[in-house]
Amino acid sequence: MTKRQICRSCPTIAVCDHLGGLEIKHIECGADDYLYIVSGSAASKIKYHKLKIYYGSRSTYINFRGHRYPLNMFIKV
């Protein structure tokens, strides 16, 4: 399945209001963990992303457009 198909078929897990709205749609677990995210949900430009989850000594985070976003910034729906 493509990123778009996965994001459209899964309900929203968590949201963040940065960059026009970020929505976590799906978590893929394996040797490396990934998040499927929809960006621009508050605006009209919706894009789909697959981002790797990094586990740091202080927090768990993702890198999105050159910025580090801790997962505790997201609010569970």
PDB file of N, CA and C in Angstrom:
ATOM      1  N   MET A   1       0.836  -1.182   0.000  1.00  0.00           N
ATOM      2  CA  MET A   1       0.000   0.000   0.000  1.00  0.00           C
ATOM      3  C   MET A   1       0.882   1.247   0.000  1.00  0.00           C
ATOM      4  N   THR A   2       0.389   2.292  -0.596  1.00  0.00           N
ATOM      5  CA  THR A   2       1.129   3.545  -0.646  1.00  0.00           C
ATOM      6  C   THR A   2       0.845   4.369   0.617  1.00  0.00           C
ATOM      7  N   LYS A   3       1.625   5.439   0.797  1.00  0.00           N
ATOM      8  CA  LYS A   3       1.433   6.327   1.949  1.00  0.00           C
ATOM      9  C   LYS A   3       0.026   6.915   1.929  1.00  0.00           C
ATOM     10  N   ARG A   4      -0.423   7.305   0.770  1.00  0.00           N
ATOM     11  CA  ARG A   4      -1.754   7.910   0.643  1.00  0.00           C
ATOM     12  C   ARG A   4      -2.851   6.923   1.019  1.00  0.00           C
ATOM     13  N   GLN A   5      -2.758   5.700   0.551  1.00  0.00           N
ATOM     14  CA  GLN A   5      -3.769   4.699   0.852  1.00  0.00           C
ATOM     15  C   GLN A   5      -3.804   4.372   2.336  1.00  0.00           C
ATOM     16  N   ILE A   6      -2.631   4.264   2.959  1.00  0.00           N
ATOM     17  CA  ILE A   6      -2.577   3.974   4.394  1.00  0.00           C
ATOM     18  C   ILE A   6      -3.171   5.122   5.192  1.00  0.00           C
ATOM     19  N   CYS A   7      -2.807   6.359   4.856  1.00  0.00           N
ATOM     20  CA  CYS A   7      -3.308   7.523   5.595  1.00  0.00           C
ATOM     21  C   CYS A   7      -4.804   7.719   5.424  1.00  0.00           C
ATOM     22  N   ARG A   8      -5.320   7.433   4.252  1.00  0.00           N
ATOM     23  CA  ARG A   8      -6.753   7.595   4.033  1.00  0.00           C
ATOM     24  C   ARG A   8      -7.576   6.502   4.693  1.00  0.00           C
ATOM     25  N   SER A   9      -7.018   5.306   4.853  1.00  0.00           N
ATOM     26  CA  SER A   9      -7.784   4.203   5.412  1.00  0.00           C
ATOM     27  C   SER A   9      -7.722   4.138   6.941  1.00  0.00           C
ATOM     28  N   CYS A  10      -6.770   4.826   7.566  1.00  0.00           N
ATOM     29  CA  CYS A  10      -6.605   4.758   9.018  1.00  0.00           C
ATOM     30  C   CYS A  10      -7.172   6.001   9.692  1.00  0.00           C
ATOM     31  N   PRO A  11      -7.764   5.833  10.876  1.00  0.00           N
ATOM     32  CA  PRO A  11      -8.254   7.006  11.614  1.00  0.00           C
ATOM     33  C   PRO A  11      -7.096   7.790  12.225  1.00  0.00           C
ATOM     34  N   THR A  12      -7.354   9.031  12.598  1.00  0.00           N
ATOM     35  CA  THR A  12      -6.339   9.881  13.214  1.00  0.00           C
ATOM     36  C   THR A  12      -6.059   9.410  14.631  1.00  0.00           C
ATOM     37  N   ILE A  13      -4.775   9.251  14.966  1.00  0.00           N
ATOM     38  CA  ILE A  13      -4.354   8.824  16.297  1.00  0.00           C
ATOM     39  C   ILE A  13      -4.047  10.030  17.177  1.00  0.00           C
ATOM     40  N   ALA A  14      -3.303  11.002  16.624  1.00  0.00           N
ATOM     41  CA  ALA A  14      -2.891  12.180  17.384  1.00  0.00           C
ATOM     42  C   ALA A  14      -2.724  13.360  16.434  1.00  0.00           C
ATOM     43  N   VAL A  15      -2.784  14.576  16.992  1.00  0.00           N
ATOM     44  CA  VAL A  15      -2.655  15.781  16.186  1.00  0.00           C
ATOM     45  C   VAL A  15      -1.672  16.751  16.833  1.00  0.00           C
ATOM     46  N   CYS A  16      -1.106  17.640  15.994  1.00  0.00           N
ATOM     47  CA  CYS A  16      -0.226  18.717  16.425  1.00  0.00           C
ATOM     48  C   CYS A  16      -0.550  19.911  15.536  1.00  0.00           C
ATOM     49  N   ASP A  17      -0.561  21.127  16.098  1.00  0.00           N
ATOM     50  CA  ASP A  17      -0.989  22.283  15.322  1.00  0.00           C
ATOM     51  C   ASP A  17       0.147  23.015  14.619  1.00  0.00           C
ATOM     52  N   HIS A  18       1.339  22.470  14.564  1.00  0.00           N
ATOM     53  CA  HIS A  18       2.461  23.100  13.874  1.00  0.00           C
ATOM     54  C   HIS A  18       2.374  22.856  12.367  1.00  0.00           C
ATOM     55  N   LEU A  19       2.876  23.813  11.604  1.00  0.00           N
ATOM     56  CA  LEU A  19       2.977  23.724  10.139  1.00  0.00           C
ATOM     57  C   LEU A  19       1.638  23.447   9.462  1.00  0.00           C
ATOM     58  N   GLY A  20       0.593  24.101   9.901  1.00  0.00           N
ATOM     59  CA  GLY A  20      -0.704  23.924   9.270  1.00  0.00           C
ATOM     60  C   GLY A  20      -1.416  22.668   9.690  1.00  0.00           C
ATOM     61  N   GLY A  21      -0.941  22.007  10.713  1.00  0.00           N
ATOM     62  CA  GLY A  21      -1.587  20.816  11.236  1.00  0.00           C
ATOM     63  C   GLY A  21      -0.901  19.538  10.802  1.00  0.00           C
ATOM     64  N   LEU A  22      -0.541  18.729  11.768  1.00  0.00           N
ATOM     65  CA  LEU A  22       0.028  17.407  11.516  1.00  0.00           C
ATOM     66  C   LEU A  22      -0.875  16.371  12.178  1.00  0.00           C
ATOM     67  N   GLU A  23      -1.167  15.306  11.470  1.00  0.00           N
ATOM     68  CA  GLU A  23      -1.992  14.231  12.002  1.00  0.00           C
ATOM     69  C   GLU A  23      -1.242  12.918  11.878  1.00  0.00           C
ATOM     70  N   ILE A  24      -1.102  12.202  12.979  1.00  0.00           N
ATOM     71  CA  ILE A  24      -0.523  10.856  12.943  1.00  0.00           C
ATOM     72  C   ILE A  24      -1.644   9.891  12.595  1.00  0.00           C
ATOM     73  N   LYS A  25      -1.439   9.129  11.538  1.00  0.00           N
ATOM     74  CA  LYS A  25      -2.461   8.208  11.064  1.00  0.00           C
ATOM     75  C   LYS A  25      -2.166   6.744  11.380  1.00  0.00           C
ATOM     76  N   HIS A  26      -0.897   6.362  11.337  1.00  0.00           N
ATOM     77  CA  HIS A  26      -0.559   4.942  11.494  1.00  0.00           C
ATOM     78  C   HIS A  26       0.855   4.817  12.045  1.00  0.00           C
ATOM     79  N   ILE A  27       1.082   3.804  12.869  1.00  0.00           N
ATOM     80  CA  ILE A  27       2.413   3.506  13.397  1.00  0.00           C
ATOM     81  C   ILE A  27       2.826   2.144  12.860  1.00  0.00           C
ATOM     82  N   GLU A  28       3.977   2.093  12.198  1.00  0.00           N
ATOM     83  CA  GLU A  28       4.505   0.844  11.652  1.00  0.00           C
ATOM     84  C   GLU A  28       5.658   0.386  12.538  1.00  0.00           C
ATOM     85  N   CYS A  29       5.508  -0.777  13.140  1.00  0.00           N
ATOM     86  CA  CYS A  29       6.524  -1.310  14.046  1.00  0.00           C
ATOM     87  C   CYS A  29       7.318  -2.399  13.337  1.00  0.00           C
ATOM     88  N   GLY A  30       8.604  -2.422  13.612  1.00  0.00           N
ATOM     89  CA  GLY A  30       9.494  -3.408  13.025  1.00  0.00           C
ATOM     90  C   GLY A  30      10.890  -3.183  13.553  1.00  0.00           C
ATOM     91  N   ALA A  31      11.907  -3.504  12.767  1.00  0.00           N
ATOM     92  CA  ALA A  31      13.288  -3.226  13.168  1.00  0.00           C
ATOM     93  C   ALA A  31      13.473  -1.724  13.344  1.00  0.00           C
ATOM     94  N   ASP A  32      12.901  -0.930  12.445  1.00  0.00           N
ATOM     95  CA  ASP A  32      12.806   0.524  12.585  1.00  0.00           C
ATOM     96  C   ASP A  32      11.329   0.873  12.638  1.00  0.00           C
ATOM     97  N   ASP A  33      10.974   1.808  13.513  1.00  0.00           N
ATOM     98  CA  ASP A  33       9.583   2.219  13.650  1.00  0.00           C
ATOM     99  C   ASP A  33       9.334   3.472  12.815  1.00  0.00           C
ATOM    100  N   TYR A  34       8.156   3.532  12.185  1.00  0.00           N
ATOM    101  CA  TYR A  34       7.806   4.652  11.313  1.00  0.00           C
ATOM    102  C   TYR A  34       6.413   5.173  11.653  1.00  0.00           C
ATOM    103  N   LEU A  35       6.212   6.462  11.414  1.00  0.00           N
ATOM    104  CA  LEU A  35       4.905   7.100  11.540  1.00  0.00           C
ATOM    105  C   LEU A  35       4.432   7.513  10.155  1.00  0.00           C
ATOM    106  N   TYR A  36       3.164   7.310   9.898  1.00  0.00           N
ATOM    107  CA  TYR A  36       2.543   7.843   8.692  1.00  0.00           C
ATOM    108  C   TYR A  36       1.797   9.096   9.114  1.00  0.00           C
ATOM    109  N   ILE A  37       2.156  10.231   8.500  1.00  0.00           N
ATOM    110  CA  ILE A  37       1.649  11.527   8.922  1.00  0.00           C
ATOM    111  C   ILE A  37       1.036  12.257   7.728  1.00  0.00           C
ATOM    112  N   VAL A  38      -0.036  12.994   8.012  1.00  0.00           N
ATOM    113  CA  VAL A  38      -0.653  13.886   7.038  1.00  0.00           C
ATOM    114  C   VAL A  38      -0.320  15.301   7.467  1.00  0.00           C
ATOM    115  N   SER A  39       0.284  16.089   6.574  1.00  0.00           N
ATOM    116  CA  SER A  39       0.594  17.487   6.881  1.00  0.00           C
ATOM    117  C   SER A  39      -0.329  18.387   6.091  1.00  0.00           C
ATOM    118  N   GLY A  40      -0.536  19.599   6.607  1.00  0.00           N
ATOM    119  CA  GLY A  40      -1.386  20.567   5.932  1.00  0.00           C
ATOM    120  C   GLY A  40      -2.855  20.278   6.063  1.00  0.00           C
ATOM    121  N   SER A  41      -3.252  19.559   7.106  1.00  0.00           N
ATOM    122  CA  SER A  41      -4.667  19.208   7.257  1.00  0.00           C
ATOM    123  C   SER A  41      -5.518  20.432   7.579  1.00  0.00           C
ATOM    124  N   ALA A  42      -4.951  21.459   8.215  1.00  0.00           N
ATOM    125  CA  ALA A  42      -5.699  22.685   8.499  1.00  0.00           C
ATOM    126  C   ALA A  42      -5.762  23.575   7.258  1.00  0.00           C
ATOM    127  N   ALA A  43      -4.796  23.453   6.378  1.00  0.00           N
ATOM    128  CA  ALA A  43      -4.781  24.213   5.125  1.00  0.00           C
ATOM    129  C   ALA A  43      -5.345  23.340   4.004  1.00  0.00           C
ATOM    130  N   SER A  44      -5.267  23.816   2.800  1.00  0.00           N
ATOM    131  CA  SER A  44      -5.803  23.045   1.675  1.00  0.00           C
ATOM    132  C   SER A  44      -4.758  22.174   0.997  1.00  0.00           C
ATOM    133  N   LYS A  45      -3.491  22.273   1.413  1.00  0.00           N
ATOM    134  CA  LYS A  45      -2.416  21.496   0.793  1.00  0.00           C
ATOM    135  C   LYS A  45      -2.099  20.271   1.657  1.00  0.00           C
ATOM    136  N   ILE A  46      -2.738  19.163   1.382  1.00  0.00           N
ATOM    137  CA  ILE A  46      -2.543  17.936   2.150  1.00  0.00           C
ATOM    138  C   ILE A  46      -1.444  17.112   1.494  1.00  0.00           C
ATOM    139  N   LYS A  47      -0.460  16.700   2.301  1.00  0.00           N
ATOM    140  CA  LYS A  47       0.627  15.843   1.826  1.00  0.00           C
ATOM    141  C   LYS A  47       0.800  14.694   2.807  1.00  0.00           C
ATOM    142  N   TYR A  48       1.294  13.571   2.285  1.00  0.00           N
ATOM    143  CA  TYR A  48       1.442  12.354   3.069  1.00  0.00           C
ATOM    144  C   TYR A  48       2.925  12.043   3.249  1.00  0.00           C
ATOM    145  N   HIS A  49       3.290  11.619   4.459  1.00  0.00           N
ATOM    146  CA  HIS A  49       4.692  11.386   4.785  1.00  0.00           C
ATOM    147  C   HIS A  49       4.853  10.095   5.595  1.00  0.00           C
ATOM    148  N   LYS A  50       5.996   9.466   5.412  1.00  0.00           N
ATOM    149  CA  LYS A  50       6.409   8.325   6.226  1.00  0.00           C
ATOM    150  C   LYS A  50       7.709   8.742   6.900  1.00  0.00           C
ATOM    151  N   LEU A  51       7.693   8.871   8.238  1.00  0.00           N
ATOM    152  CA  LEU A  51       8.829   9.400   8.980  1.00  0.00           C
ATOM    153  C   LEU A  51       9.325   8.375   9.996  1.00  0.00           C
ATOM    154  N   LYS A  52      10.643   8.289  10.115  1.00  0.00           N
ATOM    155  CA  LYS A  52      11.256   7.368  11.058  1.00  0.00           C
ATOM    156  C   LYS A  52      11.177   7.939  12.469  1.00  0.00           C
ATOM    157  N   ILE A  53      10.910   7.081  13.442  1.00  0.00           N
ATOM    158  CA  ILE A  53      10.881   7.479  14.849  1.00  0.00           C
ATOM    159  C   ILE A  53      12.272   7.277  15.426  1.00  0.00           C
ATOM    160  N   TYR A  54      12.805   8.314  16.054  1.00  0.00           N
ATOM    161  CA  TYR A  54      14.116   8.252  16.691  1.00  0.00           C
ATOM    162  C   TYR A  54      13.938   8.232  18.201  1.00  0.00           C
ATOM    163  N   TYR A  55      14.718   7.393  18.860  1.00  0.00           N
ATOM    164  CA  TYR A  55      14.657   7.267  20.314  1.00  0.00           C
ATOM    165  C   TYR A  55      15.915   7.877  20.900  1.00  0.00           C
ATOM    166  N   GLY A  56      15.795   9.093  21.470  1.00  0.00           N
ATOM    167  CA  GLY A  56      16.914   9.783  22.074  1.00  0.00           C
ATOM    168  C   GLY A  56      16.969   9.512  23.573  1.00  0.00           C
ATOM    169  N   SER A  57      18.001  10.035  24.212  1.00  0.00           N
ATOM    170  CA  SER A  57      18.135   9.829  25.654  1.00  0.00           C
ATOM    171  C   SER A  57      17.105  10.650  26.431  1.00  0.00           C
ATOM    172  N   ARG A  58      16.649  11.761  25.858  1.00  0.00           N
ATOM    173  CA  ARG A  58      15.680  12.615  26.542  1.00  0.00           C
ATOM    174  C   ARG A  58      14.248  12.375  26.089  1.00  0.00           C
ATOM    175  N   SER A  59      14.056  12.164  24.799  1.00  0.00           N
ATOM    176  CA  SER A  59      12.694  12.011  24.291  1.00  0.00           C
ATOM    177  C   SER A  59      12.678  11.219  22.990  1.00  0.00           C
ATOM    178  N   THR A  60      11.482  10.855  22.585  1.00  0.00           N
ATOM    179  CA  THR A  60      11.251  10.211  21.309  1.00  0.00           C
ATOM    180  C   THR A  60      10.794  11.288  20.336  1.00  0.00           C
ATOM    181  N   TYR A  61      11.347  11.299  19.124  1.00  0.00           N
ATOM    182  CA  TYR A  61      11.063  12.395  18.205  1.00  0.00           C
ATOM    183  C   TYR A  61      11.089  11.925  16.762  1.00  0.00           C
ATOM    184  N   ILE A  62      10.609  12.825  15.885  1.00  0.00           N
ATOM    185  CA  ILE A  62      10.685  12.636  14.442  1.00  0.00           C
ATOM    186  C   ILE A  62      11.356  13.862  13.847  1.00  0.00           C
ATOM    187  N   ASN A  63      11.983  13.696  12.703  1.00  0.00           N
ATOM    188  CA  ASN A  63      12.537  14.823  11.947  1.00  0.00           C
ATOM    189  C   ASN A  63      11.596  15.106  10.789  1.00  0.00           C
ATOM    190  N   PHE A  64      11.100  16.351  10.740  1.00  0.00           N
ATOM    191  CA  PHE A  64      10.160  16.732   9.697  1.00  0.00           C
ATOM    192  C   PHE A  64      10.552  18.099   9.172  1.00  0.00           C
ATOM    193  N   ARG A  65      10.912  18.168   7.897  1.00  0.00           N
ATOM    194  CA  ARG A  65      11.314  19.404   7.225  1.00  0.00           C
ATOM    195  C   ARG A  65      12.444  20.115   7.964  1.00  0.00           C
ATOM    196  N   GLY A  66      13.420  19.357   8.416  1.00  0.00           N
ATOM    197  CA  GLY A  66      14.606  19.930   9.038  1.00  0.00           C
ATOM    198  C   GLY A  66      14.453  20.296  10.493  1.00  0.00           C
ATOM    199  N   HIS A  67      13.308  19.996  11.094  1.00  0.00           N
ATOM    200  CA  HIS A  67      13.089  20.309  12.498  1.00  0.00           C
ATOM    201  C   HIS A  67      12.789  19.030  13.269  1.00  0.00           C
ATOM    202  N   ARG A  68      13.160  19.036  14.519  1.00  0.00           N
ATOM    203  CA  ARG A  68      12.935  17.891  15.396  1.00  0.00           C
ATOM    204  C   ARG A  68      11.658  18.131  16.195  1.00  0.00           C
ATOM    205  N   TYR A  69      10.708  17.203  16.083  1.00  0.00           N
ATOM    206  CA  TYR A  69       9.443  17.298  16.790  1.00  0.00           C
ATOM    207  C   TYR A  69       9.326  16.150  17.787  1.00  0.00           C
ATOM    208  N   PRO A  70       9.362  16.442  19.093  1.00  0.00           N
ATOM    209  CA  PRO A  70       9.142  15.389  20.088  1.00  0.00           C
ATOM    210  C   PRO A  70       7.694  14.882  19.989  1.00  0.00           C
ATOM    211  N   LEU A  71       7.508  13.613  20.218  1.00  0.00           N
ATOM    212  CA  LEU A  71       6.170  13.042  20.107  1.00  0.00           C
ATOM    213  C   LEU A  71       5.257  13.502  21.232  1.00  0.00           C
ATOM    214  N   ASN A  72       5.827  14.066  22.311  1.00  0.00           N
ATOM    215  CA  ASN A  72       4.966  14.564  23.378  1.00  0.00           C
ATOM    216  C   ASN A  72       4.311  15.896  23.003  1.00  0.00           C
ATOM    217  N   MET A  73       4.632  16.483  21.832  1.00  0.00           N
ATOM    218  CA  MET A  73       3.956  17.676  21.330  1.00  0.00           C
ATOM    219  C   MET A  73       2.585  17.319  20.717  1.00  0.00           C
ATOM    220  N   PHE A  74       2.375  16.052  20.402  1.00  0.00           N
ATOM    221  CA  PHE A  74       1.138  15.613  19.783  1.00  0.00           C
ATOM    222  C   PHE A  74       0.106  15.301  20.862  1.00  0.00           C
ATOM    223  N   ILE A  75      -1.150  15.595  20.555  1.00  0.00           N
ATOM    224  CA  ILE A  75      -2.253  15.347  21.468  1.00  0.00           C
ATOM    225  C   ILE A  75      -3.048  14.160  20.947  1.00  0.00           C
ATOM    226  N   LYS A  76      -3.233  13.159  21.808  1.00  0.00           N
ATOM    227  CA  LYS A  76      -3.969  11.958  21.407  1.00  0.00           C
ATOM    228  C   LYS A  76      -5.450  12.281  21.232  1.00  0.00           C
ATOM    229  N   VAL A  77      -6.029  11.760  20.140  1.00  0.00           N
ATOM    230  CA  VAL A  77      -7.444  12.020  19.837  1.00  0.00           C
ATOM    231  C   VAL A  77      -8.292  10.897  20.374  1.00  0.00           C
TER     232      VAL A  77
END
